[in-house]
Structures are given as C-alpha cells and as structure tokens.
Amino acid sequence: QLFSTPIAGTDLRLLMLLNRDALTAPVIHTVTLQLSAIVVLLTLVIIALNMLIGRLLAPLHRVSQALADIAHGESDLSKRLPV
C-alpha cells in the first residue's frame, strides 16, 4: 500500500510503500500467543479453584451426608462426625 505525506517547510512529499501483511503478521502472532496463554492460564485457575473449593466443602458434605443418614434412620447417633 502506498502512503504519501507532505514534508513541512518544503514542496516535497514523503512516499512510503508498505506491505500490510508483513506489518501485521508479528502483531497477529503476538495477539494469538497472548490469547493462547490467557486461555491456558484461565483453565489452570479454574482447575485449581475447583480443587480448592472441593477440599474446603468436603467437611460440609460429610456433615450433610451424616445428617441425611440420621434423617433416614440409617446412622448411629453415638458416632462422632469428623470435621
């Protein structure tokens, strides 16, 4: 693509012939690389949060299960619940 701009204080013009694909290819590569890194990072964060939330809620799940067993008459009421 051909670009032209006047040079201040003269009757001259600066002409530039640029290949747009050659100019945008590094930008597209960098953006693609960054988006890929963001997707990988978000995936790892989601997996880590899922594991963390699972570990934090495990005691609550055990208590809930024990209370459900008691409600159905399937549990020993003298048993302690590990929390």
N, C-alpha and C. Protein backbone atom coordinates (compact mmCIF):
# COMPACT_ATOMS: atom_id res chain seq x y z
N GLN A 1 0.85 -1.16 0.00
CA GLN A 1 0.00 0.00 0.00
C GLN A 1 0.90 1.24 0.00
N LEU A 2 0.51 2.25 -0.74
CA LEU A 2 1.29 3.47 -0.91
C LEU A 2 0.73 4.58 -0.03
N PHE A 3 1.61 5.19 0.76
CA PHE A 3 1.23 6.31 1.62
C PHE A 3 2.06 7.52 1.24
N SER A 4 1.45 8.71 1.34
CA SER A 4 2.14 9.95 1.00
C SER A 4 1.81 11.00 2.04
N THR A 5 2.85 11.72 2.48
CA THR A 5 2.64 12.79 3.46
C THR A 5 3.57 13.96 3.11
N PRO A 6 3.10 15.19 3.24
CA PRO A 6 3.96 16.33 2.91
C PRO A 6 5.03 16.55 3.97
N ILE A 7 6.19 17.04 3.54
CA ILE A 7 7.27 17.38 4.46
C ILE A 7 7.15 18.87 4.75
N ALA A 8 7.03 19.21 6.01
CA ALA A 8 6.79 20.61 6.43
C ALA A 8 7.93 21.53 5.96
N GLY A 9 7.55 22.69 5.45
CA GLY A 9 8.52 23.70 5.05
C GLY A 9 9.11 23.49 3.66
N THR A 10 8.66 22.45 2.95
CA THR A 10 9.17 22.17 1.60
C THR A 10 8.01 21.82 0.70
N ASP A 11 8.33 21.73 -0.59
CA ASP A 11 7.32 21.26 -1.54
C ASP A 11 7.43 19.75 -1.74
N LEU A 12 8.23 19.09 -0.92
CA LEU A 12 8.48 17.66 -1.08
C LEU A 12 7.43 16.84 -0.32
N ARG A 13 7.32 15.59 -0.75
CA ARG A 13 6.41 14.65 -0.09
C ARG A 13 7.20 13.39 0.24
N LEU A 14 6.84 12.77 1.32
CA LEU A 14 7.45 11.50 1.71
C LEU A 14 6.52 10.39 1.26
N LEU A 15 7.04 9.49 0.44
CA LEU A 15 6.25 8.36 -0.05
C LEU A 15 6.72 7.09 0.66
N MET A 16 5.77 6.29 1.07
CA MET A 16 6.09 5.02 1.72
C MET A 16 5.28 3.91 1.06
N LEU A 17 5.98 2.86 0.70
CA LEU A 17 5.33 1.68 0.13
C LEU A 17 5.45 0.58 1.18
N LEU A 18 4.32 0.17 1.73
CA LEU A 18 4.31 -0.79 2.83
C LEU A 18 3.51 -2.03 2.46
N ASN A 19 4.02 -3.16 2.88
CA ASN A 19 3.30 -4.42 2.73
C ASN A 19 2.52 -4.63 4.03
N ARG A 20 1.22 -4.46 3.97
CA ARG A 20 0.39 -4.53 5.17
C ARG A 20 0.49 -5.90 5.84
N ASP A 21 0.55 -6.97 5.07
CA ASP A 21 0.66 -8.31 5.66
C ASP A 21 1.96 -8.46 6.44
N ALA A 22 3.05 -7.92 5.91
CA ALA A 22 4.33 -8.01 6.60
C ALA A 22 4.32 -7.21 7.90
N LEU A 23 3.56 -6.13 7.93
CA LEU A 23 3.48 -5.32 9.14
C LEU A 23 2.57 -5.93 10.20
N THR A 24 1.48 -6.52 9.77
CA THR A 24 0.51 -7.03 10.75
C THR A 24 0.80 -8.45 11.21
N ALA A 25 1.62 -9.20 10.49
CA ALA A 25 1.90 -10.59 10.86
C ALA A 25 2.48 -10.71 12.27
N PRO A 26 3.49 -9.91 12.66
CA PRO A 26 4.00 -10.03 14.03
C PRO A 26 2.96 -9.66 15.09
N VAL A 27 2.12 -8.69 14.78
CA VAL A 27 1.08 -8.29 15.74
C VAL A 27 0.07 -9.42 15.91
N ILE A 28 -0.34 -10.01 14.82
CA ILE A 28 -1.30 -11.12 14.88
C ILE A 28 -0.69 -12.30 15.63
N HIS A 29 0.58 -12.58 15.39
CA HIS A 29 1.26 -13.68 16.08
C HIS A 29 1.30 -13.41 17.59
N THR A 30 1.64 -12.18 17.97
CA THR A 30 1.73 -11.83 19.38
C THR A 30 0.36 -11.91 20.06
N VAL A 31 -0.66 -11.40 19.40
CA VAL A 31 -2.01 -11.45 19.97
C VAL A 31 -2.47 -12.90 20.12
N THR A 32 -2.21 -13.72 19.11
CA THR A 32 -2.58 -15.14 19.19
C THR A 32 -1.86 -15.83 20.33
N LEU A 33 -0.57 -15.54 20.48
CA LEU A 33 0.21 -16.13 21.57
C LEU A 33 -0.33 -15.70 22.93
N GLN A 34 -0.66 -14.42 23.07
CA GLN A 34 -1.18 -13.93 24.34
C GLN A 34 -2.56 -14.51 24.66
N LEU A 35 -3.41 -14.61 23.66
CA LEU A 35 -4.73 -15.20 23.89
C LEU A 35 -4.61 -16.67 24.27
N SER A 36 -3.69 -17.38 23.64
CA SER A 36 -3.47 -18.79 24.00
C SER A 36 -2.99 -18.90 25.44
N ALA A 37 -2.08 -18.03 25.83
CA ALA A 37 -1.58 -18.05 27.20
C ALA A 37 -2.69 -17.73 28.20
N ILE A 38 -3.56 -16.80 27.85
CA ILE A 38 -4.68 -16.46 28.73
C ILE A 38 -5.63 -17.64 28.89
N VAL A 39 -5.91 -18.34 27.79
CA VAL A 39 -6.81 -19.50 27.85
C VAL A 39 -6.20 -20.58 28.73
N VAL A 40 -4.90 -20.86 28.56
CA VAL A 40 -4.24 -21.88 29.37
C VAL A 40 -4.25 -21.46 30.84
N LEU A 41 -3.93 -20.21 31.11
CA LEU A 41 -3.90 -19.73 32.49
C LEU A 41 -5.28 -19.78 33.14
N LEU A 42 -6.30 -19.37 32.41
CA LEU A 42 -7.66 -19.43 32.96
C LEU A 42 -8.09 -20.87 33.23
N THR A 43 -7.71 -21.78 32.34
CA THR A 43 -8.02 -23.19 32.55
C THR A 43 -7.36 -23.70 33.82
N LEU A 44 -6.09 -23.36 34.02
CA LEU A 44 -5.38 -23.79 35.23
C LEU A 44 -6.00 -23.17 36.49
N VAL A 45 -6.40 -21.92 36.41
CA VAL A 45 -7.02 -21.26 37.56
C VAL A 45 -8.36 -21.91 37.88
N ILE A 46 -9.14 -22.23 36.86
CA ILE A 46 -10.44 -22.89 37.10
C ILE A 46 -10.24 -24.26 37.73
N ILE A 47 -9.26 -25.02 37.24
CA ILE A 47 -8.99 -26.34 37.82
C ILE A 47 -8.54 -26.20 39.28
N ALA A 48 -7.64 -25.24 39.55
CA ALA A 48 -7.16 -25.04 40.92
C ALA A 48 -8.29 -24.60 41.84
N LEU A 49 -9.14 -23.69 41.38
CA LEU A 49 -10.26 -23.26 42.21
C LEU A 49 -11.25 -24.39 42.46
N ASN A 50 -11.47 -25.21 41.45
CA ASN A 50 -12.37 -26.35 41.62
C ASN A 50 -11.83 -27.30 42.69
N MET A 51 -10.53 -27.58 42.64
CA MET A 51 -9.92 -28.46 43.64
C MET A 51 -9.98 -27.82 45.03
N LEU A 52 -9.68 -26.53 45.12
CA LEU A 52 -9.69 -25.83 46.41
C LEU A 52 -11.09 -25.80 47.01
N ILE A 53 -12.08 -25.48 46.21
CA ILE A 53 -13.46 -25.43 46.70
C ILE A 53 -13.91 -26.83 47.12
N GLY A 54 -13.52 -27.84 46.36
CA GLY A 54 -13.86 -29.22 46.74
C GLY A 54 -13.28 -29.60 48.09
N ARG A 55 -12.02 -29.21 48.33
CA ARG A 55 -11.40 -29.52 49.62
C ARG A 55 -12.04 -28.72 50.76
N LEU A 56 -12.38 -27.48 50.48
CA LEU A 56 -12.98 -26.65 51.54
C LEU A 56 -14.39 -27.11 51.89
N LEU A 57 -15.12 -27.62 50.92
CA LEU A 57 -16.50 -28.03 51.16
C LEU A 57 -16.65 -29.51 51.54
N ALA A 58 -15.56 -30.27 51.51
CA ALA A 58 -15.64 -31.70 51.84
C ALA A 58 -16.19 -31.95 53.25
N PRO A 59 -15.73 -31.22 54.27
CA PRO A 59 -16.30 -31.45 55.61
C PRO A 59 -17.80 -31.15 55.66
N LEU A 60 -18.23 -30.11 54.98
CA LEU A 60 -19.64 -29.78 54.95
C LEU A 60 -20.44 -30.88 54.25
N HIS A 61 -19.86 -31.46 53.21
CA HIS A 61 -20.54 -32.56 52.51
C HIS A 61 -20.66 -33.78 53.43
N ARG A 62 -19.59 -34.07 54.20
CA ARG A 62 -19.65 -35.21 55.13
C ARG A 62 -20.73 -34.99 56.20
N VAL A 63 -20.82 -33.78 56.73
CA VAL A 63 -21.85 -33.48 57.74
C VAL A 63 -23.23 -33.60 57.11
N SER A 64 -23.39 -33.08 55.92
CA SER A 64 -24.68 -33.16 55.23
C SER A 64 -25.07 -34.61 54.99
N GLN A 65 -24.11 -35.43 54.58
CA GLN A 65 -24.39 -36.85 54.33
C GLN A 65 -24.76 -37.56 55.64
N ALA A 66 -24.04 -37.24 56.72
CA ALA A 66 -24.34 -37.86 58.02
C ALA A 66 -25.73 -37.45 58.50
N LEU A 67 -26.09 -36.19 58.32
CA LEU A 67 -27.43 -35.74 58.73
C LEU A 67 -28.51 -36.40 57.88
N ALA A 68 -28.23 -36.61 56.60
CA ALA A 68 -29.20 -37.30 55.75
C ALA A 68 -29.36 -38.75 56.20
N ASP A 69 -28.25 -39.39 56.59
CA ASP A 69 -28.33 -40.77 57.11
C ASP A 69 -29.14 -40.81 58.40
N ILE A 70 -28.91 -39.84 59.28
CA ILE A 70 -29.67 -39.78 60.53
C ILE A 70 -31.15 -39.57 60.24
N ALA A 71 -31.46 -38.71 59.29
CA ALA A 71 -32.86 -38.44 58.95
C ALA A 71 -33.56 -39.68 58.41
N HIS A 72 -32.81 -40.55 57.74
CA HIS A 72 -33.40 -41.78 57.20
C HIS A 72 -33.29 -42.95 58.17
N GLY A 73 -32.74 -42.68 59.37
CA GLY A 73 -32.64 -43.72 60.38
C GLY A 73 -31.56 -44.75 60.08
N GLU A 74 -30.56 -44.40 59.30
CA GLU A 74 -29.52 -45.35 58.90
C GLU A 74 -28.20 -45.10 59.60
N SER A 75 -28.17 -44.31 60.66
CA SER A 75 -26.89 -43.96 61.25
C SER A 75 -26.91 -44.19 62.75
N ASP A 76 -25.71 -44.34 63.30
CA ASP A 76 -25.52 -44.50 64.73
C ASP A 76 -25.40 -43.10 65.34
N LEU A 77 -26.32 -42.75 66.22
CA LEU A 77 -26.34 -41.41 66.79
C LEU A 77 -25.21 -41.16 67.78
N SER A 78 -24.53 -42.22 68.23
CA SER A 78 -23.42 -42.03 69.18
C SER A 78 -22.10 -41.79 68.45
N LYS A 79 -22.10 -41.87 67.14
CA LYS A 79 -20.87 -41.70 66.37
C LYS A 79 -20.55 -40.22 66.21
N ARG A 80 -19.25 -39.89 66.37
CA ARG A 80 -18.81 -38.51 66.18
C ARG A 80 -18.57 -38.25 64.70
N LEU A 81 -18.84 -37.01 64.30
CA LEU A 81 -18.59 -36.62 62.91
C LEU A 81 -17.23 -35.95 62.81
N PRO A 82 -16.35 -36.47 61.95
CA PRO A 82 -15.06 -35.79 61.76
C PRO A 82 -15.28 -34.52 60.94
N VAL A 83 -14.77 -33.41 61.45
CA VAL A 83 -14.95 -32.13 60.75
C VAL A 83 -13.60 -31.57 60.41
